[in-house]
Amino acid sequence: MTGCDIVEIEVEEPYSSVYNEVTARARQELDNDIRPALVTQVENIDEYDTLIVETPIWSSRLAPPVKSFLVIK
């Protein structure tokens, strides 16, 4: 609708499709403030005036891959 560019945030080590494995990894990342390494890079991000970030919420917190992308300390 907006005609905007869309970027998918992808981690270097993909998450498992096995429920118990992905939830264990998510819990470890959340509990230890681990920011997974990303494949995604936006070289010209400073050329954008507005960013719209959509993310799932993991256990009432921002998903670690999104924190990696936004470089939130």
N, C-alpha and C. Protein backbone atom coordinates (compact mmCIF):
# COMPACT_ATOMS: atom_id res chain seq x y z
N MET A 1 0.80 -1.19 0.00
CA MET A 1 0.00 0.00 0.00
C MET A 1 0.85 1.27 0.00
N THR A 2 1.95 1.23 0.74
CA THR A 2 2.76 2.43 0.88
C THR A 2 3.79 2.58 -0.22
N GLY A 3 4.06 1.50 -0.95
CA GLY A 3 5.08 1.55 -1.99
C GLY A 3 6.48 1.60 -1.41
N CYS A 4 6.63 1.19 -0.17
CA CYS A 4 7.93 1.28 0.51
C CYS A 4 8.81 0.07 0.24
N ASP A 5 10.09 0.22 0.56
CA ASP A 5 11.01 -0.91 0.51
C ASP A 5 10.73 -1.81 1.69
N ILE A 6 10.90 -3.12 1.52
CA ILE A 6 10.68 -4.08 2.59
C ILE A 6 11.96 -4.89 2.77
N VAL A 7 12.39 -5.00 4.01
CA VAL A 7 13.58 -5.77 4.34
C VAL A 7 13.21 -6.80 5.39
N GLU A 8 13.55 -8.05 5.15
CA GLU A 8 13.31 -9.10 6.13
C GLU A 8 14.57 -9.27 6.97
N ILE A 9 14.42 -9.28 8.26
CA ILE A 9 15.56 -9.48 9.15
C ILE A 9 15.83 -10.98 9.24
N GLU A 10 17.03 -11.38 8.80
CA GLU A 10 17.40 -12.79 8.80
C GLU A 10 18.63 -13.01 9.66
N VAL A 11 18.59 -14.04 10.50
CA VAL A 11 19.73 -14.37 11.36
C VAL A 11 20.69 -15.29 10.62
N GLU A 12 21.98 -15.23 11.00
CA GLU A 12 22.98 -16.10 10.37
C GLU A 12 22.69 -17.57 10.65
N GLU A 13 22.32 -17.86 11.89
CA GLU A 13 21.98 -19.24 12.25
C GLU A 13 20.46 -19.34 12.35
N PRO A 14 19.82 -19.90 11.32
CA PRO A 14 18.35 -19.94 11.30
C PRO A 14 17.77 -20.67 12.52
N TYR A 15 16.59 -20.25 12.91
CA TYR A 15 15.89 -20.90 14.01
C TYR A 15 15.33 -22.23 13.54
N SER A 16 15.30 -23.19 14.46
CA SER A 16 14.76 -24.51 14.18
C SER A 16 13.26 -24.43 13.90
N SER A 17 12.76 -25.40 13.20
CA SER A 17 11.32 -25.50 13.01
C SER A 17 10.69 -26.42 14.06
N VAL A 18 11.51 -26.98 14.93
CA VAL A 18 11.04 -27.83 16.03
C VAL A 18 10.69 -26.94 17.21
N TYR A 19 9.46 -26.98 17.64
CA TYR A 19 8.94 -26.07 18.66
C TYR A 19 9.81 -26.00 19.91
N ASN A 20 10.12 -27.13 20.52
CA ASN A 20 10.89 -27.13 21.76
C ASN A 20 12.29 -26.55 21.56
N GLU A 21 12.88 -26.77 20.40
CA GLU A 21 14.22 -26.24 20.13
C GLU A 21 14.18 -24.72 19.96
N VAL A 22 13.21 -24.22 19.22
CA VAL A 22 13.15 -22.77 18.98
C VAL A 22 12.77 -22.03 20.26
N THR A 23 11.90 -22.60 21.07
CA THR A 23 11.55 -21.91 22.32
C THR A 23 12.71 -21.93 23.31
N ALA A 24 13.50 -23.00 23.33
CA ALA A 24 14.68 -23.05 24.20
C ALA A 24 15.70 -22.01 23.77
N ARG A 25 15.92 -21.89 22.47
CA ARG A 25 16.87 -20.89 21.97
C ARG A 25 16.36 -19.47 22.27
N ALA A 26 15.09 -19.25 22.05
CA ALA A 26 14.51 -17.93 22.32
C ALA A 26 14.65 -17.58 23.79
N ARG A 27 14.38 -18.52 24.67
CA ARG A 27 14.50 -18.28 26.11
C ARG A 27 15.94 -17.94 26.47
N GLN A 28 16.90 -18.67 25.92
CA GLN A 28 18.32 -18.40 26.20
C GLN A 28 18.71 -17.00 25.71
N GLU A 29 18.27 -16.63 24.51
CA GLU A 29 18.59 -15.30 23.97
C GLU A 29 17.97 -14.19 24.83
N LEU A 30 16.73 -14.39 25.24
CA LEU A 30 16.05 -13.38 26.05
C LEU A 30 16.68 -13.27 27.44
N ASP A 31 16.93 -14.40 28.09
CA ASP A 31 17.45 -14.40 29.45
C ASP A 31 18.87 -13.86 29.54
N ASN A 32 19.65 -14.04 28.47
CA ASN A 32 21.06 -13.64 28.49
C ASN A 32 21.35 -12.42 27.61
N ASP A 33 20.30 -11.76 27.16
CA ASP A 33 20.43 -10.59 26.29
C ASP A 33 21.37 -10.85 25.11
N ILE A 34 21.19 -12.00 24.48
CA ILE A 34 21.99 -12.38 23.32
C ILE A 34 21.38 -11.76 22.08
N ARG A 35 22.20 -11.12 21.29
CA ARG A 35 21.78 -10.52 20.02
C ARG A 35 22.34 -11.38 18.90
N PRO A 36 21.52 -12.16 18.23
CA PRO A 36 22.04 -13.05 17.20
C PRO A 36 22.64 -12.26 16.03
N ALA A 37 23.67 -12.84 15.44
CA ALA A 37 24.28 -12.23 14.26
C ALA A 37 23.29 -12.29 13.10
N LEU A 38 23.32 -11.25 12.29
CA LEU A 38 22.37 -11.14 11.18
C LEU A 38 23.04 -11.27 9.82
N VAL A 39 22.29 -11.80 8.88
CA VAL A 39 22.65 -11.78 7.48
C VAL A 39 22.24 -10.43 6.90
N THR A 40 21.13 -9.93 7.38
CA THR A 40 20.53 -8.69 6.88
C THR A 40 21.42 -7.49 7.14
N GLN A 41 21.63 -6.71 6.10
CA GLN A 41 22.37 -5.45 6.20
C GLN A 41 21.69 -4.46 5.27
N VAL A 42 21.50 -3.26 5.75
CA VAL A 42 20.95 -2.19 4.92
C VAL A 42 22.04 -1.13 4.81
N GLU A 43 22.74 -1.12 3.68
CA GLU A 43 23.89 -0.25 3.51
C GLU A 43 23.51 1.23 3.48
N ASN A 44 22.35 1.54 2.97
CA ASN A 44 21.96 2.95 2.79
C ASN A 44 20.86 3.38 3.76
N ILE A 45 20.88 2.84 4.96
CA ILE A 45 19.80 3.12 5.91
C ILE A 45 19.69 4.61 6.25
N ASP A 46 20.80 5.33 6.17
CA ASP A 46 20.77 6.76 6.50
C ASP A 46 20.04 7.59 5.44
N GLU A 47 19.70 6.98 4.32
CA GLU A 47 18.96 7.68 3.27
C GLU A 47 17.45 7.67 3.50
N TYR A 48 17.00 6.93 4.51
CA TYR A 48 15.57 6.85 4.80
C TYR A 48 15.18 7.89 5.84
N ASP A 49 14.04 8.51 5.64
CA ASP A 49 13.51 9.47 6.61
C ASP A 49 12.70 8.77 7.70
N THR A 50 12.05 7.68 7.33
CA THR A 50 11.15 6.97 8.24
C THR A 50 11.38 5.47 8.14
N LEU A 51 11.42 4.81 9.29
CA LEU A 51 11.49 3.35 9.34
C LEU A 51 10.25 2.85 10.07
N ILE A 52 9.61 1.87 9.51
CA ILE A 52 8.49 1.20 10.17
C ILE A 52 8.98 -0.21 10.47
N VAL A 53 9.06 -0.55 11.74
CA VAL A 53 9.56 -1.86 12.14
C VAL A 53 8.41 -2.66 12.72
N GLU A 54 8.16 -3.80 12.13
CA GLU A 54 7.14 -4.71 12.64
C GLU A 54 7.85 -5.92 13.22
N THR A 55 7.43 -6.33 14.38
CA THR A 55 8.12 -7.43 15.05
C THR A 55 7.16 -8.24 15.91
N PRO A 56 7.47 -9.53 16.05
CA PRO A 56 6.74 -10.29 17.07
C PRO A 56 7.27 -9.90 18.44
N ILE A 57 6.48 -10.09 19.45
CA ILE A 57 6.90 -9.87 20.83
C ILE A 57 7.14 -11.24 21.45
N TRP A 58 8.32 -11.43 21.99
CA TRP A 58 8.68 -12.71 22.60
C TRP A 58 8.64 -12.54 24.10
N SER A 59 7.73 -13.21 24.75
CA SER A 59 7.64 -13.19 26.21
C SER A 59 7.61 -11.75 26.74
N SER A 60 6.78 -10.94 26.12
CA SER A 60 6.59 -9.53 26.47
C SER A 60 7.81 -8.65 26.19
N ARG A 61 8.72 -9.12 25.34
CA ARG A 61 9.93 -8.35 25.02
C ARG A 61 10.16 -8.32 23.51
N LEU A 62 10.97 -7.36 23.10
CA LEU A 62 11.35 -7.23 21.70
C LEU A 62 12.16 -8.45 21.28
N ALA A 63 11.89 -9.00 20.12
CA ALA A 63 12.61 -10.18 19.64
C ALA A 63 14.10 -9.86 19.46
N PRO A 64 14.99 -10.74 19.94
CA PRO A 64 16.42 -10.49 19.84
C PRO A 64 16.94 -10.15 18.44
N PRO A 65 16.45 -10.79 17.36
CA PRO A 65 16.95 -10.39 16.04
C PRO A 65 16.62 -8.93 15.71
N VAL A 66 15.50 -8.45 16.18
CA VAL A 66 15.14 -7.06 15.94
C VAL A 66 16.04 -6.13 16.75
N LYS A 67 16.37 -6.54 17.98
CA LYS A 67 17.32 -5.76 18.77
C LYS A 67 18.67 -5.70 18.08
N SER A 68 19.09 -6.80 17.48
CA SER A 68 20.36 -6.81 16.72
C SER A 68 20.28 -5.84 15.56
N PHE A 69 19.17 -5.85 14.86
CA PHE A 69 19.00 -4.98 13.70
C PHE A 69 19.01 -3.50 14.08
N LEU A 70 18.34 -3.19 15.18
CA LEU A 70 18.24 -1.80 15.62
C LEU A 70 19.42 -1.37 16.48
N VAL A 71 20.27 -2.31 16.86
CA VAL A 71 21.44 -2.07 17.70
C VAL A 71 21.02 -1.35 18.99
N ILE A 72 20.06 -1.94 19.67
CA ILE A 72 19.58 -1.42 20.95
C ILE A 72 20.47 -1.97 22.04
N LYS A 73 20.96 -1.10 22.87
CA LYS A 73 21.86 -1.51 23.98
C LYS A 73 21.06 -1.89 25.20
